[in-house]
Amino acid sequence: MTTEDQGGFISSVKDGIVASIRGVGEITDAVVDTVSGSLINALKKTGDVGTTLTGSISDVVQGTIQGAAEVGGDLGSAAKGTVIGVLKGTKEVGGETLDTVSVTAGAVVKSTASVGGDLASVTKGAVEGAVEGAKDLSISAEDAAAAAASGALKAAGEISATAVEQVRNVLTGTISGVKVVLKEPFKSDDGGEAE
């Protein structure tokens, strides 16, 4: 996809999110359907789920967060709907994995940072979406929560030490009835391991 095509795709997703939220008012459901449909269309156009999945997820997430922010929607609910929508969409085209959860949560954190949104809220929403989305897949809620947490924390580490702190604070404890367990160490901005 050329940069121009990518920009048009992101804008199209954003416009779809804006219209859905304004039309329905319930942000999570509106986001799930729009994200799922947009991702399926993007992946079917390219025909190669493996190589284009991460880029397509990032573009869909970016458009979703921009659209939700534009209409003043709750970005935490948008994050939850985004993760569920991505899982639903990738399941249909045969690409659902824990990596998908991690990539999506990371993209949500980065896109939220770019619009000045609340990273704690979207991190919690992403984990909630992973837990809910796991019900329809062959992955455990615990593994899905851990994958979302790992992706969110890794992305926060690429933003700033403050972002890492905000995300980490949300990840201590239980979200949607699931104890969040980080399964690997992450590097902080100073090059040391984040704890």
C-alpha atoms as a PDB file:
ATOM      1  CA  MET A   1       0.000   0.000   0.000  1.00  0.00           C
ATOM      2  CA  THR A   2       1.466   3.378  -0.951  1.00  0.00           C
ATOM      3  CA  THR A   3       1.666   6.160   1.611  1.00  0.00           C
ATOM      4  CA  GLU A   4      -1.169   7.930  -0.178  1.00  0.00           C
ATOM      5  CA  ASP A   5      -3.322   4.772  -0.145  1.00  0.00           C
ATOM      6  CA  GLN A   6      -2.490   4.253   3.526  1.00  0.00           C
ATOM      7  CA  GLY A   7      -3.529   7.825   4.377  1.00  0.00           C
ATOM      8  CA  GLY A   8      -6.779   7.363   2.473  1.00  0.00           C
ATOM      9  CA  PHE A   9      -7.455   4.071   4.252  1.00  0.00           C
ATOM     10  CA  ILE A  10      -6.825   5.588   7.704  1.00  0.00           C
ATOM     11  CA  SER A  11      -9.068   8.529   6.814  1.00  0.00           C
ATOM     12  CA  SER A  12     -11.773   6.156   5.581  1.00  0.00           C
ATOM     13  CA  VAL A  13     -11.674   4.182   8.839  1.00  0.00           C
ATOM     14  CA  LYS A  14     -11.766   7.425  10.839  1.00  0.00           C
ATOM     15  CA  ASP A  15     -14.785   8.677   8.878  1.00  0.00           C
ATOM     16  CA  GLY A  16     -16.523   5.314   9.382  1.00  0.00           C
ATOM     17  CA  ILE A  17     -15.910   5.481  13.127  1.00  0.00           C
ATOM     18  CA  VAL A  18     -17.169   9.071  13.333  1.00  0.00           C
ATOM     19  CA  ALA A  19     -20.357   8.159  11.435  1.00  0.00           C
ATOM     20  CA  SER A  20     -20.904   4.995  13.485  1.00  0.00           C
ATOM     21  CA  ILE A  21     -20.473   6.715  16.830  1.00  0.00           C
ATOM     22  CA  ARG A  22     -22.705   9.619  15.837  1.00  0.00           C
ATOM     23  CA  GLY A  23     -25.322   7.244  14.448  1.00  0.00           C
ATOM     24  CA  VAL A  24     -25.355   4.710  17.261  1.00  0.00           C
ATOM     25  CA  GLY A  25     -24.027   6.561  20.267  1.00  0.00           C
ATOM     26  CA  GLU A  26     -22.766   3.296  21.851  1.00  0.00           C
ATOM     27  CA  ILE A  27     -19.088   3.453  21.087  1.00  0.00           C
ATOM     28  CA  THR A  28     -17.885  -0.099  21.803  1.00  0.00           C
ATOM     29  CA  ASP A  29     -20.363  -1.845  19.496  1.00  0.00           C
ATOM     30  CA  ALA A  30     -19.957   0.782  16.779  1.00  0.00           C
ATOM     31  CA  VAL A  31     -16.189   0.374  16.875  1.00  0.00           C
ATOM     32  CA  VAL A  32     -16.300  -3.454  16.845  1.00  0.00           C
ATOM     33  CA  ASP A  33     -18.325  -3.580  13.637  1.00  0.00           C
ATOM     34  CA  THR A  34     -16.419  -0.819  11.845  1.00  0.00           C
ATOM     35  CA  VAL A  35     -12.979  -2.163  12.808  1.00  0.00           C
ATOM     36  CA  SER A  36     -13.860  -5.737  11.918  1.00  0.00           C
ATOM     37  CA  GLY A  37     -15.270  -4.792   8.522  1.00  0.00           C
ATOM     38  CA  SER A  38     -12.406  -2.420   7.690  1.00  0.00           C
ATOM     39  CA  LEU A  39      -9.771  -4.980   8.609  1.00  0.00           C
ATOM     40  CA  ILE A  40     -11.443  -7.777   6.657  1.00  0.00           C
ATOM     41  CA  ASN A  41     -11.671  -5.564   3.568  1.00  0.00           C
ATOM     42  CA  ALA A  42      -8.032  -4.471   3.861  1.00  0.00           C
ATOM     43  CA  LEU A  43      -6.767  -8.021   4.260  1.00  0.00           C
ATOM     44  CA  LYS A  44      -8.899  -9.421   1.447  1.00  0.00           C
ATOM     45  CA  LYS A  45      -7.656  -6.682  -0.911  1.00  0.00           C
ATOM     46  CA  THR A  46      -4.029  -7.600  -0.321  1.00  0.00           C
ATOM     47  CA  GLY A  47      -4.645 -11.339  -0.247  1.00  0.00           C
ATOM     48  CA  ASP A  48      -1.683 -11.940   2.068  1.00  0.00           C
ATOM     49  CA  VAL A  49      -2.765 -11.969   5.705  1.00  0.00           C
ATOM     50  CA  GLY A  50       0.689 -12.823   7.050  1.00  0.00           C
ATOM     51  CA  THR A  51       2.659  -9.911   5.642  1.00  0.00           C
ATOM     52  CA  THR A  52       0.091  -7.159   5.828  1.00  0.00           C
ATOM     53  CA  LEU A  53      -1.659  -7.939   9.110  1.00  0.00           C
ATOM     54  CA  THR A  54       0.459  -5.748  11.398  1.00  0.00           C
ATOM     55  CA  GLY A  55       0.319  -2.752   9.044  1.00  0.00           C
ATOM     56  CA  SER A  56      -3.405  -3.161   8.479  1.00  0.00           C
ATOM     57  CA  ILE A  57      -4.041  -3.405  12.225  1.00  0.00           C
ATOM     58  CA  SER A  58      -1.987  -0.269  12.880  1.00  0.00           C
ATOM     59  CA  ASP A  59      -3.841   1.665  10.177  1.00  0.00           C
ATOM     60  CA  VAL A  60      -7.274   0.542  11.387  1.00  0.00           C
ATOM     61  CA  VAL A  61      -6.384   1.360  15.000  1.00  0.00           C
ATOM     62  CA  GLN A  62      -5.024   4.776  14.057  1.00  0.00           C
ATOM     63  CA  GLY A  63      -8.200   5.669  12.151  1.00  0.00           C
ATOM     64  CA  THR A  64     -10.366   4.350  14.979  1.00  0.00           C
ATOM     65  CA  ILE A  65      -8.662   6.323  17.732  1.00  0.00           C
ATOM     66  CA  GLN A  66      -8.580   9.487  15.610  1.00  0.00           C
ATOM     67  CA  GLY A  67     -12.294   9.130  14.857  1.00  0.00           C
ATOM     68  CA  ALA A  68     -13.261   8.484  18.469  1.00  0.00           C
ATOM     69  CA  ALA A  69     -11.156  11.432  19.621  1.00  0.00           C
ATOM     70  CA  GLU A  70     -12.718  13.684  16.960  1.00  0.00           C
ATOM     71  CA  VAL A  71     -16.233  13.097  18.288  1.00  0.00           C
ATOM     72  CA  GLY A  72     -15.145  13.215  21.934  1.00  0.00           C
ATOM     73  CA  GLY A  73     -15.832   9.511  22.427  1.00  0.00           C
ATOM     74  CA  ASP A  74     -14.483   7.529  25.345  1.00  0.00           C
ATOM     75  CA  LEU A  75     -11.124   6.242  24.116  1.00  0.00           C
ATOM     76  CA  GLY A  76     -11.157   3.403  26.669  1.00  0.00           C
ATOM     77  CA  SER A  77     -14.368   2.063  25.149  1.00  0.00           C
ATOM     78  CA  ALA A  78     -12.935   2.643  21.682  1.00  0.00           C
ATOM     79  CA  ALA A  79      -9.848   0.626  22.654  1.00  0.00           C
ATOM     80  CA  LYS A  80     -11.999  -2.233  23.942  1.00  0.00           C
ATOM     81  CA  GLY A  81     -14.084  -2.264  20.764  1.00  0.00           C
ATOM     82  CA  THR A  82     -10.951  -2.037  18.629  1.00  0.00           C
ATOM     83  CA  VAL A  83      -9.368  -5.150  20.138  1.00  0.00           C
ATOM     84  CA  ILE A  84     -12.629  -7.107  19.860  1.00  0.00           C
ATOM     85  CA  GLY A  85     -13.110  -5.911  16.270  1.00  0.00           C
ATOM     86  CA  VAL A  86      -9.566  -6.848  15.260  1.00  0.00           C
ATOM     87  CA  LEU A  87      -9.949 -10.315  16.785  1.00  0.00           C
ATOM     88  CA  LYS A  88     -13.310 -10.760  15.066  1.00  0.00           C
ATOM     89  CA  GLY A  89     -11.905  -9.580  11.732  1.00  0.00           C
ATOM     90  CA  THR A  90      -8.725 -11.642  11.851  1.00  0.00           C
ATOM     91  CA  LYS A  91     -10.670 -14.730  12.894  1.00  0.00           C
ATOM     92  CA  GLU A  92     -12.721 -14.441   9.708  1.00  0.00           C
ATOM     93  CA  VAL A  93      -9.639 -14.260   7.489  1.00  0.00           C
ATOM     94  CA  GLY A  94      -7.624 -16.824   9.451  1.00  0.00           C
ATOM     95  CA  GLY A  95      -5.123 -14.682  11.278  1.00  0.00           C
ATOM     96  CA  GLU A  96      -6.072 -14.676  14.950  1.00  0.00           C
ATOM     97  CA  THR A  97      -3.191 -15.189  17.375  1.00  0.00           C
ATOM     98  CA  LEU A  98      -1.881 -13.800  20.615  1.00  0.00           C
ATOM     99  CA  ASP A  99       0.501 -11.701  18.518  1.00  0.00           C
ATOM    100  CA  THR A 100      -2.550 -10.009  17.009  1.00  0.00           C
ATOM    101  CA  VAL A 101      -3.741  -9.050  20.499  1.00  0.00           C
ATOM    102  CA  SER A 102      -0.323  -7.684  21.404  1.00  0.00           C
ATOM    103  CA  VAL A 103       0.077  -5.720  18.156  1.00  0.00           C
ATOM    104  CA  THR A 104      -3.413  -4.250  18.516  1.00  0.00           C
ATOM    105  CA  ALA A 105      -2.911  -3.159  22.137  1.00  0.00           C
ATOM    106  CA  GLY A 106       0.404  -1.572  21.201  1.00  0.00           C
ATOM    107  CA  ALA A 107      -1.139   0.271  18.271  1.00  0.00           C
ATOM    108  CA  VAL A 108      -3.945   1.517  20.521  1.00  0.00           C
ATOM    109  CA  VAL A 109      -1.432   2.970  22.998  1.00  0.00           C
ATOM    110  CA  LYS A 110       0.647   4.641  20.271  1.00  0.00           C
ATOM    111  CA  SER A 111      -2.400   6.064  18.472  1.00  0.00           C
ATOM    112  CA  THR A 112      -3.821   7.358  21.740  1.00  0.00           C
ATOM    113  CA  ALA A 113      -0.537   9.070  22.585  1.00  0.00           C
ATOM    114  CA  SER A 114      -0.609  10.759  19.166  1.00  0.00           C
ATOM    115  CA  VAL A 115      -4.003  12.352  19.927  1.00  0.00           C
ATOM    116  CA  GLY A 116      -3.107  13.221  23.533  1.00  0.00           C
ATOM    117  CA  GLY A 117      -5.511  10.696  25.045  1.00  0.00           C
ATOM    118  CA  ASP A 118      -5.458   8.881  28.386  1.00  0.00           C
ATOM    119  CA  LEU A 119      -3.071   5.926  28.099  1.00  0.00           C
ATOM    120  CA  ALA A 120      -4.310   4.306  31.303  1.00  0.00           C
ATOM    121  CA  SER A 121      -7.898   4.267  30.070  1.00  0.00           C
ATOM    122  CA  VAL A 122      -7.044   2.762  26.682  1.00  0.00           C
ATOM    123  CA  THR A 123      -4.741   0.175  28.218  1.00  0.00           C
ATOM    124  CA  LYS A 124      -7.533  -1.003  30.480  1.00  0.00           C
ATOM    125  CA  GLY A 125      -9.944  -0.980  27.512  1.00  0.00           C
ATOM    126  CA  ALA A 126      -7.513  -2.986  25.372  1.00  0.00           C
ATOM    127  CA  VAL A 127      -7.147  -5.658  28.065  1.00  0.00           C
ATOM    128  CA  GLU A 128     -10.935  -5.756  28.545  1.00  0.00           C
ATOM    129  CA  GLY A 129     -11.353  -6.203  24.793  1.00  0.00           C
ATOM    130  CA  ALA A 130      -8.761  -8.987  24.745  1.00  0.00           C
ATOM    131  CA  VAL A 131     -10.520 -10.826  27.581  1.00  0.00           C
ATOM    132  CA  GLU A 132     -13.923 -10.475  25.914  1.00  0.00           C
ATOM    133  CA  GLY A 133     -12.576 -11.340  22.462  1.00  0.00           C
ATOM    134  CA  ALA A 134     -10.828 -14.462  23.791  1.00  0.00           C
ATOM    135  CA  LYS A 135     -14.246 -16.000  24.489  1.00  0.00           C
ATOM    136  CA  ASP A 136     -14.801 -16.478  20.740  1.00  0.00           C
ATOM    137  CA  LEU A 137     -11.304 -17.782  20.058  1.00  0.00           C
ATOM    138  CA  SER A 138      -9.271 -20.752  21.137  1.00  0.00           C
ATOM    139  CA  ILE A 139      -7.180 -18.745  23.612  1.00  0.00           C
ATOM    140  CA  SER A 140      -7.563 -18.331  27.349  1.00  0.00           C
ATOM    141  CA  ALA A 141      -8.657 -15.022  28.831  1.00  0.00           C
ATOM    142  CA  GLU A 142      -5.458 -14.979  30.900  1.00  0.00           C
ATOM    143  CA  ASP A 143      -3.238 -15.413  27.824  1.00  0.00           C
ATOM    144  CA  ALA A 144      -5.193 -12.762  25.930  1.00  0.00           C
ATOM    145  CA  ALA A 145      -4.911 -10.316  28.853  1.00  0.00           C
ATOM    146  CA  ALA A 146      -1.164 -10.976  29.135  1.00  0.00           C
ATOM    147  CA  ALA A 147      -0.681 -10.434  25.388  1.00  0.00           C
ATOM    148  CA  ALA A 148      -2.595  -7.141  25.482  1.00  0.00           C
ATOM    149  CA  ALA A 149      -0.669  -6.005  28.552  1.00  0.00           C
ATOM    150  CA  SER A 150       2.655  -6.888  26.922  1.00  0.00           C
ATOM    151  CA  GLY A 151       1.805  -5.026  23.716  1.00  0.00           C
ATOM    152  CA  ALA A 152       0.597  -1.958  25.602  1.00  0.00           C
ATOM    153  CA  LEU A 153       3.662  -1.847  27.825  1.00  0.00           C
ATOM    154  CA  LYS A 154       6.074  -2.355  24.928  1.00  0.00           C
ATOM    155  CA  ALA A 155       4.426   0.504  23.005  1.00  0.00           C
ATOM    156  CA  ALA A 156       4.515   2.732  26.086  1.00  0.00           C
ATOM    157  CA  GLY A 157       8.238   2.030  26.334  1.00  0.00           C
ATOM    158  CA  GLU A 158       8.648   3.457  22.839  1.00  0.00           C
ATOM    159  CA  ILE A 159       6.823   6.640  23.901  1.00  0.00           C
ATOM    160  CA  SER A 160       8.272   7.715  27.265  1.00  0.00           C
ATOM    161  CA  ALA A 161       9.031   6.725  30.843  1.00  0.00           C
ATOM    162  CA  THR A 162       5.854   8.537  31.900  1.00  0.00           C
ATOM    163  CA  ALA A 163       3.826   6.459  29.446  1.00  0.00           C
ATOM    164  CA  VAL A 164       5.381   3.267  30.855  1.00  0.00           C
ATOM    165  CA  GLU A 165       4.404   4.329  34.365  1.00  0.00           C
ATOM    166  CA  GLN A 166       0.805   5.140  33.350  1.00  0.00           C
ATOM    167  CA  VAL A 167       0.379   1.821  31.538  1.00  0.00           C
ATOM    168  CA  ARG A 168       2.103  -0.257  34.212  1.00  0.00           C
ATOM    169  CA  ASN A 169      -0.108   1.220  36.955  1.00  0.00           C
ATOM    170  CA  VAL A 170      -3.217  -0.043  35.144  1.00  0.00           C
ATOM    171  CA  LEU A 171      -1.733  -3.486  34.644  1.00  0.00           C
ATOM    172  CA  THR A 172      -1.242  -4.230  38.322  1.00  0.00           C
ATOM    173  CA  GLY A 173      -4.238  -6.181  39.487  1.00  0.00           C
ATOM    174  CA  THR A 174      -7.323  -7.600  37.903  1.00  0.00           C
ATOM    175  CA  ILE A 175      -9.136  -6.381  34.784  1.00  0.00           C
ATOM    176  CA  SER A 176     -12.480  -7.917  33.754  1.00  0.00           C
ATOM    177  CA  GLY A 177     -12.046 -10.606  36.384  1.00  0.00           C
ATOM    178  CA  VAL A 178      -8.643 -11.697  35.048  1.00  0.00           C
ATOM    179  CA  LYS A 179      -5.345 -11.241  36.896  1.00  0.00           C
ATOM    180  CA  VAL A 180      -3.005  -9.557  34.431  1.00  0.00           C
ATOM    181  CA  VAL A 181       0.396 -11.249  34.327  1.00  0.00           C
ATOM    182  CA  LEU A 182       3.199  -9.843  32.209  1.00  0.00           C
ATOM    183  CA  LYS A 183       5.125 -12.725  30.692  1.00  0.00           C
ATOM    184  CA  GLU A 184       8.373 -11.079  29.625  1.00  0.00           C
ATOM    185  CA  PRO A 185      10.627  -8.201  30.735  1.00  0.00           C
ATOM    186  CA  PHE A 186      10.441  -4.897  28.931  1.00  0.00           C
ATOM    187  CA  LYS A 187      13.046  -2.238  28.394  1.00  0.00           C
ATOM    188  CA  SER A 188      12.473   1.225  29.762  1.00  0.00           C
ATOM    189  CA  ASP A 189      13.742   4.378  28.026  1.00  0.00           C
ATOM    190  CA  ASP A 190      16.922   4.414  30.091  1.00  0.00           C
ATOM    191  CA  GLY A 191      17.926   1.014  28.675  1.00  0.00           C
ATOM    192  CA  GLY A 192      17.312  -0.886  31.890  1.00  0.00           C
ATOM    193  CA  GLU A 193      14.614  -3.468  32.454  1.00  0.00           C
ATOM    194  CA  ALA A 194      11.233  -2.093  33.444  1.00  0.00           C
ATOM    195  CA  GLU A 195       9.852  -3.859  36.476  1.00  0.00           C
END
